[in-house]
Amino acid sequence: MARRWILALALIALLANICLAATAGSPDQPPAAFTAPPASPFDDLVAPRPGSGACFTRVYDADHLRKHPKQTTASIAVWLAYDKAFGNPPVLAPSGLGIAIGRRGEVEALFAQGGCNWDEGVNRDVQGRRMIKNFKKTVGISCMMLARPDVFDVSSAEEGGYLILDPGKDKDTLMVYLDTGLAMVKRADRAKQLDVNFGADDRVFMLRRSAAKDCAAVEDAVTTPAPGAPRR
């Protein structure tokens, strides 16, 4: 129950940031100045300024998958992006996250959307217990996930899970720590929530920085409005 309260509170904050960003001033007139989050190692992965983004990917070849038969993940991509600043004075919202996972034997990728921030008390519930067992540190990038991408006319308040990002050995390396499962969707039907489970071999990944085009499918899946929905 304690863990669900943490995720629920984080989800409320994430949805509030999405709504505030959507009702902020015209994107054609960005604020002259804004308040960024406190400096952290997160800044080495994606610069904390409006419109900044970064892409990290990993594709596993047939030889790797043959040597790791229990790993179902064939590819993974993480897209990080800051929206515009909002409010008066302008404040930069936490970084948005899009993730895509391709699984062996499946044609369509799975997608999920969330929001992330640097967390000095990451991966602990209110009783101090570790939530994602594979992540041993006490600081990192905490990401609260939505049950479905925020691309419809009504935002869902349902939580979709939790994951942790951690800067790697350099600014071009990103570690991804997944929990036992996430709510994800396929691009063809983003309204249909899929409860995706991850086995022991599908929970920790090392990604490398990639060109923006390598995350184009992720960005499209989590930001392009569904037919009839307003652009946020």
Protein backbone atom coordinates (compact mmCIF):
# COMPACT_ATOMS: atom_id res chain seq x y z
CA MET A 1 0.00 0.00 0.00
CA ALA A 2 2.83 2.41 0.83
CA ARG A 3 4.34 1.86 -2.57
CA ARG A 4 1.02 2.58 -4.30
CA TRP A 5 0.70 5.87 -2.40
CA ILE A 6 4.17 6.92 -3.63
CA LEU A 7 3.28 6.07 -7.23
CA ALA A 8 -0.11 7.78 -6.96
CA LEU A 9 1.39 11.01 -5.66
CA ALA A 10 4.05 10.97 -8.39
CA LEU A 11 1.34 10.37 -11.00
CA ILE A 12 -0.68 13.35 -9.75
CA ALA A 13 2.41 15.57 -10.07
CA LEU A 14 3.12 14.23 -13.56
CA LEU A 15 -0.43 14.86 -14.80
CA ALA A 16 -0.40 18.34 -13.26
CA ASN A 17 2.78 19.18 -15.15
CA ILE A 18 1.28 17.89 -18.41
CA CYS A 19 -1.86 20.00 -17.97
CA LEU A 20 0.03 23.13 -16.96
CA ALA A 21 2.41 22.79 -19.88
CA ALA A 22 -0.54 22.37 -22.23
CA THR A 23 -2.16 25.60 -21.03
CA ALA A 24 1.02 27.68 -20.97
CA GLY A 25 1.74 30.54 -23.33
CA SER A 26 2.14 30.26 -27.07
CA PRO A 27 5.08 28.05 -28.18
CA ASP A 28 5.92 30.81 -30.66
CA GLN A 29 6.73 33.12 -27.76
CA PRO A 30 8.94 31.19 -25.32
CA PRO A 31 9.76 32.83 -21.99
CA ALA A 32 12.94 34.87 -21.88
CA ALA A 33 13.98 33.19 -18.64
CA PHE A 34 12.89 30.16 -16.67
CA THR A 35 13.68 28.26 -13.51
CA ALA A 36 15.36 24.92 -14.18
CA PRO A 37 15.49 21.95 -11.80
CA PRO A 38 18.44 21.90 -9.37
CA ALA A 39 21.66 20.84 -11.11
CA SER A 40 22.22 17.07 -11.08
CA PRO A 41 23.91 14.29 -13.10
CA PHE A 42 20.64 14.08 -15.04
CA ASP A 43 21.78 17.23 -16.86
CA ASP A 44 24.60 15.28 -18.55
CA LEU A 45 22.03 13.09 -20.27
CA VAL A 46 19.66 15.83 -21.45
CA ALA A 47 20.18 19.57 -21.06
CA PRO A 48 17.52 21.15 -18.77
CA ARG A 49 16.07 23.71 -21.17
CA PRO A 50 12.78 23.98 -23.10
CA GLY A 51 12.71 21.77 -26.18
CA SER A 52 15.86 19.83 -25.29
CA GLY A 53 15.85 16.10 -25.99
CA ALA A 54 18.04 13.00 -26.05
CA CYS A 55 17.81 9.49 -27.46
CA PHE A 56 19.39 6.29 -26.12
CA THR A 57 19.04 2.88 -27.75
CA ARG A 58 20.20 -0.72 -27.70
CA VAL A 59 19.64 -3.41 -30.31
CA TYR A 60 20.64 -6.99 -29.56
CA ASP A 61 21.94 -9.14 -32.39
CA ALA A 62 21.10 -12.78 -33.02
CA ASP A 63 24.31 -14.00 -31.40
CA HIS A 64 23.55 -12.20 -28.13
CA LEU A 65 19.97 -13.46 -28.05
CA ARG A 66 21.13 -17.01 -28.77
CA LYS A 67 23.49 -16.83 -25.78
CA HIS A 68 20.70 -15.41 -23.57
CA PRO A 69 17.65 -17.54 -24.42
CA LYS A 70 15.58 -16.21 -21.51
CA GLN A 71 15.93 -12.57 -22.65
CA THR A 72 12.86 -11.59 -24.67
CA THR A 73 13.93 -7.97 -25.30
CA ALA A 74 15.44 -7.59 -28.76
CA SER A 75 15.61 -3.79 -28.76
CA ILE A 76 14.97 -0.90 -26.40
CA ALA A 77 14.89 2.88 -26.89
CA VAL A 78 14.50 5.71 -24.38
CA TRP A 79 13.55 9.23 -25.44
CA LEU A 80 14.00 12.04 -22.92
CA ALA A 81 12.61 15.52 -23.63
CA TYR A 82 11.83 18.76 -21.84
CA ASP A 83 8.68 20.64 -22.79
CA LYS A 84 8.33 24.41 -22.57
CA ALA A 85 8.46 26.25 -19.26
CA PHE A 86 5.17 27.38 -17.73
CA GLY A 87 3.84 29.65 -14.99
CA ASN A 88 4.84 33.08 -13.78
CA PRO A 89 7.74 33.11 -13.22
CA PRO A 90 8.29 30.29 -15.76
CA VAL A 91 9.33 26.92 -14.33
CA LEU A 92 10.65 24.04 -16.42
CA ALA A 93 8.53 20.90 -15.98
CA PRO A 94 10.25 17.58 -15.22
CA SER A 95 11.63 15.72 -18.21
CA GLY A 96 9.21 13.59 -20.19
CA LEU A 97 10.08 9.97 -20.99
CA GLY A 98 9.09 7.72 -23.83
CA ILE A 99 10.22 4.11 -23.96
CA ALA A 100 9.93 1.50 -26.70
CA ILE A 101 10.64 -2.20 -26.31
CA GLY A 102 10.82 -4.67 -29.18
CA ARG A 103 10.49 -8.32 -28.22
CA ARG A 104 11.83 -11.29 -30.10
CA GLY A 105 9.24 -12.90 -32.34
CA GLU A 106 6.97 -9.83 -32.28
CA VAL A 107 6.59 -7.36 -35.15
CA GLU A 108 5.10 -4.41 -33.25
CA ALA A 109 7.01 -2.57 -30.54
CA LEU A 110 5.57 -1.74 -27.13
CA PHE A 111 5.47 1.86 -25.89
CA ALA A 112 5.03 3.69 -22.58
CA GLN A 113 5.16 7.31 -21.42
CA GLY A 114 6.11 8.89 -18.12
CA GLY A 115 7.95 11.69 -16.38
CA CYS A 116 11.34 11.67 -14.65
CA ASN A 117 13.30 13.66 -12.11
CA TRP A 118 16.55 13.33 -10.18
CA ASP A 119 15.72 11.75 -6.83
CA GLU A 120 17.94 11.76 -3.75
CA GLY A 121 15.73 9.10 -2.16
CA VAL A 122 15.12 6.96 -5.22
CA ASN A 123 13.79 3.42 -5.11
CA ARG A 124 12.49 3.45 -1.56
CA ASP A 125 8.96 3.21 -0.25
CA VAL A 126 7.84 5.09 2.85
CA GLN A 127 9.13 2.25 5.00
CA GLY A 128 12.59 2.44 3.43
CA ARG A 129 12.29 -0.79 1.46
CA ARG A 130 13.90 -1.12 -1.96
CA MET A 131 11.28 -1.28 -4.75
CA ILE A 132 13.39 -2.37 -7.74
CA LYS A 133 15.69 -5.04 -6.35
CA ASN A 134 18.39 -4.74 -9.02
CA PHE A 135 19.05 -1.05 -8.30
CA LYS A 136 21.30 -0.77 -5.26
CA LYS A 137 21.99 2.98 -5.17
CA THR A 138 20.14 5.59 -3.12
CA VAL A 139 20.19 8.35 -5.78
CA GLY A 140 19.11 8.19 -9.39
CA ILE A 141 16.45 9.21 -11.89
CA SER A 142 12.98 8.24 -10.75
CA CYS A 143 10.37 7.80 -13.50
CA MET A 144 6.65 7.47 -12.91
CA MET A 145 4.80 5.91 -15.84
CA LEU A 146 1.29 6.51 -17.15
CA ALA A 147 -1.08 3.65 -17.90
CA ARG A 148 -1.34 4.91 -21.48
CA PRO A 149 0.24 7.77 -23.45
CA ASP A 150 -1.33 11.19 -22.88
CA VAL A 151 -2.57 11.48 -26.47
CA PHE A 152 -6.34 11.39 -25.92
CA ASP A 153 -8.85 14.16 -25.20
CA VAL A 154 -9.08 12.98 -21.57
CA SER A 155 -5.96 12.21 -19.54
CA SER A 156 -5.93 8.95 -17.61
CA ALA A 157 -5.10 9.13 -13.90
CA GLU A 158 -4.22 5.45 -13.78
CA GLU A 159 -0.63 4.59 -12.89
CA GLY A 160 1.38 2.48 -15.29
CA GLY A 161 4.39 1.49 -13.21
CA TYR A 162 7.79 2.72 -12.16
CA LEU A 163 11.30 2.54 -13.54
CA ILE A 164 14.72 3.99 -12.77
CA LEU A 165 17.32 5.55 -15.05
CA ASP A 166 20.93 5.92 -14.01
CA PRO A 167 23.73 7.81 -15.77
CA GLY A 168 26.32 5.33 -17.03
CA LYS A 169 30.08 5.55 -17.16
CA ASP A 170 29.89 8.66 -19.36
CA LYS A 171 27.33 11.15 -20.69
CA ASP A 172 26.58 8.88 -23.63
CA THR A 173 25.63 5.85 -21.58
CA LEU A 174 22.30 5.25 -19.85
CA MET A 175 21.34 2.40 -17.53
CA VAL A 176 17.68 1.37 -17.43
CA TYR A 177 16.21 -0.55 -14.49
CA LEU A 178 12.75 -2.01 -14.98
CA ASP A 179 10.41 -3.35 -12.35
CA THR A 180 8.62 -6.67 -12.82
CA GLY A 181 6.14 -5.09 -15.21
CA LEU A 182 4.80 -1.98 -16.97
CA ALA A 183 1.57 -0.89 -18.58
CA MET A 184 2.39 -0.47 -22.29
CA VAL A 185 0.59 0.00 -25.61
CA LYS A 186 1.09 -0.72 -29.28
CA ARG A 187 1.05 2.17 -31.73
CA ALA A 188 -1.91 0.76 -33.67
CA ASP A 189 -4.19 0.88 -30.59
CA ARG A 190 -2.87 3.21 -27.90
CA ALA A 191 -6.14 3.03 -25.96
CA LYS A 192 -5.62 -0.67 -25.25
CA GLN A 193 -3.48 -1.09 -22.14
CA LEU A 194 -1.23 -4.16 -22.09
CA ASP A 195 0.19 -5.45 -18.83
CA VAL A 196 3.72 -6.45 -19.82
CA ASN A 197 5.78 -8.60 -17.45
CA PHE A 198 9.57 -8.71 -17.40
CA GLY A 199 11.56 -11.75 -16.39
CA ALA A 200 14.90 -11.60 -14.61
CA ASP A 201 16.80 -11.27 -17.91
CA ASP A 202 14.69 -8.30 -19.08
CA ARG A 203 15.06 -5.79 -16.28
CA VAL A 204 18.51 -4.15 -16.59
CA PHE A 205 19.83 -2.61 -19.82
CA MET A 206 22.77 -0.46 -20.88
CA LEU A 207 21.92 1.96 -23.69
CA ARG A 208 24.09 4.29 -25.73
CA ARG A 209 23.27 7.77 -27.01
CA SER A 210 21.83 7.70 -30.52
CA ALA A 211 20.68 10.12 -33.18
CA ALA A 212 17.29 11.77 -32.66
CA LYS A 213 15.87 9.87 -35.64
CA ASP A 214 16.39 6.60 -33.78
CA CYS A 215 13.73 7.69 -31.27
CA ALA A 216 11.29 9.11 -33.83
CA ALA A 217 8.91 6.17 -33.42
CA VAL A 218 8.92 6.59 -29.63
CA GLU A 219 8.25 10.33 -29.86
CA ASP A 220 5.43 9.73 -32.32
CA ALA A 221 3.80 7.03 -30.17
CA VAL A 222 3.71 9.12 -26.98
CA THR A 223 3.07 12.63 -28.36
CA THR A 224 1.07 12.47 -31.59
CA PRO A 225 -2.59 13.09 -30.63
CA ALA A 226 -5.14 10.38 -31.31
CA PRO A 227 -7.72 11.29 -33.98
CA GLY A 228 -9.99 14.00 -32.62
CA ALA A 229 -7.80 14.79 -29.59
CA PRO A 230 -6.24 18.25 -29.17
CA ARG A 231 -2.48 18.65 -29.43
CA ARG A 232 -1.07 19.06 -25.90
